[in-house]
């Protein structure tokens, strides 16, 4: 995994390209996905272009809709390891546990962003 550029514009463009490729392989339109995650088509288009903001709940929904794991979209590598939580398992967790995991992810993402800003 090459995570040296997580949080950069280039990384978001690559994530958007992965989302688009998976969506197309599933035979879904941008409008299909946007409607299912309850965002505008314009916002979803920007996500696929790597220019739109992507909240953790929206990202989780995109992964579920596309049948993809987060690792595949973030790094371009599918994770079949037991080290990673399956999204269906995540959705079965209690709300408090889901919120705790989201908070940890946000803290780590902030650290990555600050690290990248210093470089």
C-alpha atoms as a PDB file:
ATOM      1  CA  UNK A   1       0.000   0.000   0.000  1.00  0.00           C
ATOM      2  CA  UNK A   2       1.344   3.387  -0.932  1.00  0.00           C
ATOM      3  CA  UNK A   3      -0.337   5.775   1.447  1.00  0.00           C
ATOM      4  CA  UNK A   4       2.292   8.513   1.212  1.00  0.00           C
ATOM      5  CA  UNK A   5      -0.117  10.818  -0.561  1.00  0.00           C
ATOM      6  CA  UNK A   6      -3.404  10.216   1.244  1.00  0.00           C
ATOM      7  CA  UNK A   7      -5.442  13.401   1.450  1.00  0.00           C
ATOM      8  CA  UNK A   8      -3.856  15.054  -1.582  1.00  0.00           C
ATOM      9  CA  UNK A   9      -5.816  16.240  -4.600  1.00  0.00           C
ATOM     10  CA  UNK A  10      -4.180  13.503  -6.686  1.00  0.00           C
ATOM     11  CA  UNK A  11      -5.308  10.869  -4.195  1.00  0.00           C
ATOM     12  CA  UNK A  12      -8.929  12.087  -4.302  1.00  0.00           C
ATOM     13  CA  UNK A  13      -8.815  12.016  -8.117  1.00  0.00           C
ATOM     14  CA  UNK A  14      -7.598   8.414  -8.009  1.00  0.00           C
ATOM     15  CA  UNK A  15     -10.303   7.484  -5.513  1.00  0.00           C
ATOM     16  CA  UNK A  16     -12.916   9.108  -7.762  1.00  0.00           C
ATOM     17  CA  UNK A  17     -11.606   7.187 -10.759  1.00  0.00           C
ATOM     18  CA  UNK A  18     -11.831   3.923  -8.797  1.00  0.00           C
ATOM     19  CA  UNK A  19     -15.389   4.704  -7.702  1.00  0.00           C
ATOM     20  CA  UNK A  20     -16.330   5.463 -11.308  1.00  0.00           C
ATOM     21  CA  UNK A  21     -14.742   2.270 -12.658  1.00  0.00           C
ATOM     22  CA  UNK A  22     -16.482   0.099 -10.066  1.00  0.00           C
ATOM     23  CA  UNK A  23     -19.819   1.883 -10.645  1.00  0.00           C
ATOM     24  CA  UNK A  24     -19.591   1.307 -14.404  1.00  0.00           C
ATOM     25  CA  UNK A  25     -18.634  -2.353 -13.909  1.00  0.00           C
ATOM     26  CA  UNK A  26     -21.818  -2.773 -11.831  1.00  0.00           C
ATOM     27  CA  UNK A  27     -23.954  -1.216 -14.574  1.00  0.00           C
ATOM     28  CA  UNK A  28     -25.015   1.735 -12.420  1.00  0.00           C
ATOM     29  CA  UNK A  29     -25.377   5.334 -13.518  1.00  0.00           C
ATOM     30  CA  UNK A  30     -24.121   8.311 -11.556  1.00  0.00           C
ATOM     31  CA  UNK A  31     -27.733   9.237 -10.927  1.00  0.00           C
ATOM     32  CA  UNK A  32     -28.464   5.753  -9.522  1.00  0.00           C
ATOM     33  CA  UNK A  33     -25.695   6.068  -6.937  1.00  0.00           C
ATOM     34  CA  UNK A  34     -26.438   9.719  -6.113  1.00  0.00           C
ATOM     35  CA  UNK A  35     -30.091   8.879  -5.451  1.00  0.00           C
ATOM     36  CA  UNK A  36     -29.214   5.903  -3.260  1.00  0.00           C
ATOM     37  CA  UNK A  37     -26.883   7.964  -1.053  1.00  0.00           C
ATOM     38  CA  UNK A  38     -29.205  10.972  -1.090  1.00  0.00           C
ATOM     39  CA  UNK A  39     -26.916  13.590  -2.633  1.00  0.00           C
ATOM     40  CA  UNK A  40     -27.305  15.651  -5.776  1.00  0.00           C
ATOM     41  CA  UNK A  41     -26.107  14.331  -9.103  1.00  0.00           C
ATOM     42  CA  UNK A  42     -23.759  17.333  -9.368  1.00  0.00           C
ATOM     43  CA  UNK A  43     -22.164  16.481  -6.006  1.00  0.00           C
ATOM     44  CA  UNK A  44     -21.724  12.854  -7.018  1.00  0.00           C
ATOM     45  CA  UNK A  45     -20.152  13.883 -10.334  1.00  0.00           C
ATOM     46  CA  UNK A  46     -17.639  15.968  -8.378  1.00  0.00           C
ATOM     47  CA  UNK A  47     -16.820  12.986  -6.151  1.00  0.00           C
ATOM     48  CA  UNK A  48     -15.979  10.893  -9.209  1.00  0.00           C
ATOM     49  CA  UNK A  49     -13.864  13.774 -10.549  1.00  0.00           C
ATOM     50  CA  UNK A  50     -12.025  13.952  -7.230  1.00  0.00           C
ATOM     51  CA  UNK A  51     -13.268  17.473  -6.552  1.00  0.00           C
ATOM     52  CA  UNK A  52     -16.241  16.847  -4.250  1.00  0.00           C
ATOM     53  CA  UNK A  53     -16.237  16.474  -0.511  1.00  0.00           C
ATOM     54  CA  UNK A  54     -16.957  12.962   0.650  1.00  0.00           C
ATOM     55  CA  UNK A  55     -18.262  12.391   4.166  1.00  0.00           C
ATOM     56  CA  UNK A  56     -17.606   9.094   5.905  1.00  0.00           C
ATOM     57  CA  UNK A  57     -21.317   8.145   5.885  1.00  0.00           C
ATOM     58  CA  UNK A  58     -21.572   8.900   2.135  1.00  0.00           C
ATOM     59  CA  UNK A  59     -18.322   7.009   1.472  1.00  0.00           C
ATOM     60  CA  UNK A  60     -19.615   4.038   3.460  1.00  0.00           C
ATOM     61  CA  UNK A  61     -22.878   4.068   1.487  1.00  0.00           C
ATOM     62  CA  UNK A  62     -20.987   4.247  -1.821  1.00  0.00           C
ATOM     63  CA  UNK A  63     -18.929   1.215  -0.806  1.00  0.00           C
ATOM     64  CA  UNK A  64     -22.057  -0.709   0.176  1.00  0.00           C
ATOM     65  CA  UNK A  65     -23.893   0.197  -3.040  1.00  0.00           C
ATOM     66  CA  UNK A  66     -20.901  -0.726  -5.197  1.00  0.00           C
ATOM     67  CA  UNK A  67     -20.169  -3.901  -3.221  1.00  0.00           C
ATOM     68  CA  UNK A  68     -16.626  -2.703  -2.649  1.00  0.00           C
ATOM     69  CA  UNK A  69     -14.514  -2.406   0.445  1.00  0.00           C
ATOM     70  CA  UNK A  70     -13.021   0.911   1.536  1.00  0.00           C
ATOM     71  CA  UNK A  71      -9.491  -0.368   1.036  1.00  0.00           C
ATOM     72  CA  UNK A  72     -10.173  -0.992  -2.647  1.00  0.00           C
ATOM     73  CA  UNK A  73     -11.314   2.576  -3.205  1.00  0.00           C
ATOM     74  CA  UNK A  74      -8.753   4.272  -0.960  1.00  0.00           C
ATOM     75  CA  UNK A  75      -5.676   2.266  -1.980  1.00  0.00           C
ATOM     76  CA  UNK A  76      -6.727   0.417  -5.120  1.00  0.00           C
ATOM     77  CA  UNK A  77      -6.269  -2.932  -3.377  1.00  0.00           C
ATOM     78  CA  UNK A  78      -9.083  -5.170  -2.251  1.00  0.00           C
ATOM     79  CA  UNK A  79      -8.820  -6.366   1.316  1.00  0.00           C
ATOM     80  CA  UNK A  80      -9.825  -9.898   2.006  1.00  0.00           C
ATOM     81  CA  UNK A  81      -7.954  -9.915   5.278  1.00  0.00           C
ATOM     82  CA  UNK A  82      -9.606 -10.402   8.625  1.00  0.00           C
ATOM     83  CA  UNK A  83      -7.683  -7.291   9.753  1.00  0.00           C
ATOM     84  CA  UNK A  84     -10.308  -5.096   8.088  1.00  0.00           C
ATOM     85  CA  UNK A  85     -13.921  -4.707   9.101  1.00  0.00           C
ATOM     86  CA  UNK A  86     -16.451  -5.750   6.496  1.00  0.00           C
ATOM     87  CA  UNK A  87     -18.910  -2.951   5.706  1.00  0.00           C
ATOM     88  CA  UNK A  88     -21.883  -5.194   6.379  1.00  0.00           C
ATOM     89  CA  UNK A  89     -20.371  -5.930   9.801  1.00  0.00           C
ATOM     90  CA  UNK A  90     -19.914  -2.189  10.371  1.00  0.00           C
ATOM     91  CA  UNK A  91     -23.564  -1.483   9.611  1.00  0.00           C
ATOM     92  CA  UNK A  92     -24.566  -4.119  12.185  1.00  0.00           C
ATOM     93  CA  UNK A  93     -22.614  -2.402  14.991  1.00  0.00           C
ATOM     94  CA  UNK A  94     -24.407  -0.306  17.576  1.00  0.00           C
ATOM     95  CA  UNK A  95     -24.692   3.362  16.641  1.00  0.00           C
ATOM     96  CA  UNK A  96     -22.326   4.368  19.465  1.00  0.00           C
ATOM     97  CA  UNK A  97     -19.651   1.982  18.152  1.00  0.00           C
ATOM     98  CA  UNK A  98     -20.093   3.271  14.599  1.00  0.00           C
ATOM     99  CA  UNK A  99     -19.692   6.859  15.814  1.00  0.00           C
ATOM    100  CA  UNK A 100     -16.557   5.927  17.773  1.00  0.00           C
ATOM    101  CA  UNK A 101     -15.001   4.323  14.684  1.00  0.00           C
ATOM    102  CA  UNK A 102     -15.885   7.382  12.580  1.00  0.00           C
ATOM    103  CA  UNK A 103     -14.284   9.659  15.162  1.00  0.00           C
ATOM    104  CA  UNK A 104     -11.068   7.605  15.124  1.00  0.00           C
ATOM    105  CA  UNK A 105     -10.997   7.708  11.312  1.00  0.00           C
ATOM    106  CA  UNK A 106     -11.440  11.484  11.342  1.00  0.00           C
ATOM    107  CA  UNK A 107      -8.583  11.890  13.832  1.00  0.00           C
ATOM    108  CA  UNK A 108      -6.296   9.728  11.701  1.00  0.00           C
ATOM    109  CA  UNK A 109      -7.292  11.561   8.520  1.00  0.00           C
ATOM    110  CA  UNK A 110      -6.465  14.893  10.177  1.00  0.00           C
ATOM    111  CA  UNK A 111      -3.042  13.569  11.145  1.00  0.00           C
ATOM    112  CA  UNK A 112      -2.383  12.418   7.574  1.00  0.00           C
ATOM    113  CA  UNK A 113      -3.470  15.806   6.209  1.00  0.00           C
ATOM    114  CA  UNK A 114      -1.213  17.693   8.635  1.00  0.00           C
ATOM    115  CA  UNK A 115       1.690  15.380   7.803  1.00  0.00           C
ATOM    116  CA  UNK A 116       1.156  15.939   4.061  1.00  0.00           C
ATOM    117  CA  UNK A 117       0.938  19.719   4.548  1.00  0.00           C
ATOM    118  CA  UNK A 118       4.353  19.716   6.214  1.00  0.00           C
ATOM    119  CA  UNK A 119       5.954  17.833   3.303  1.00  0.00           C
END
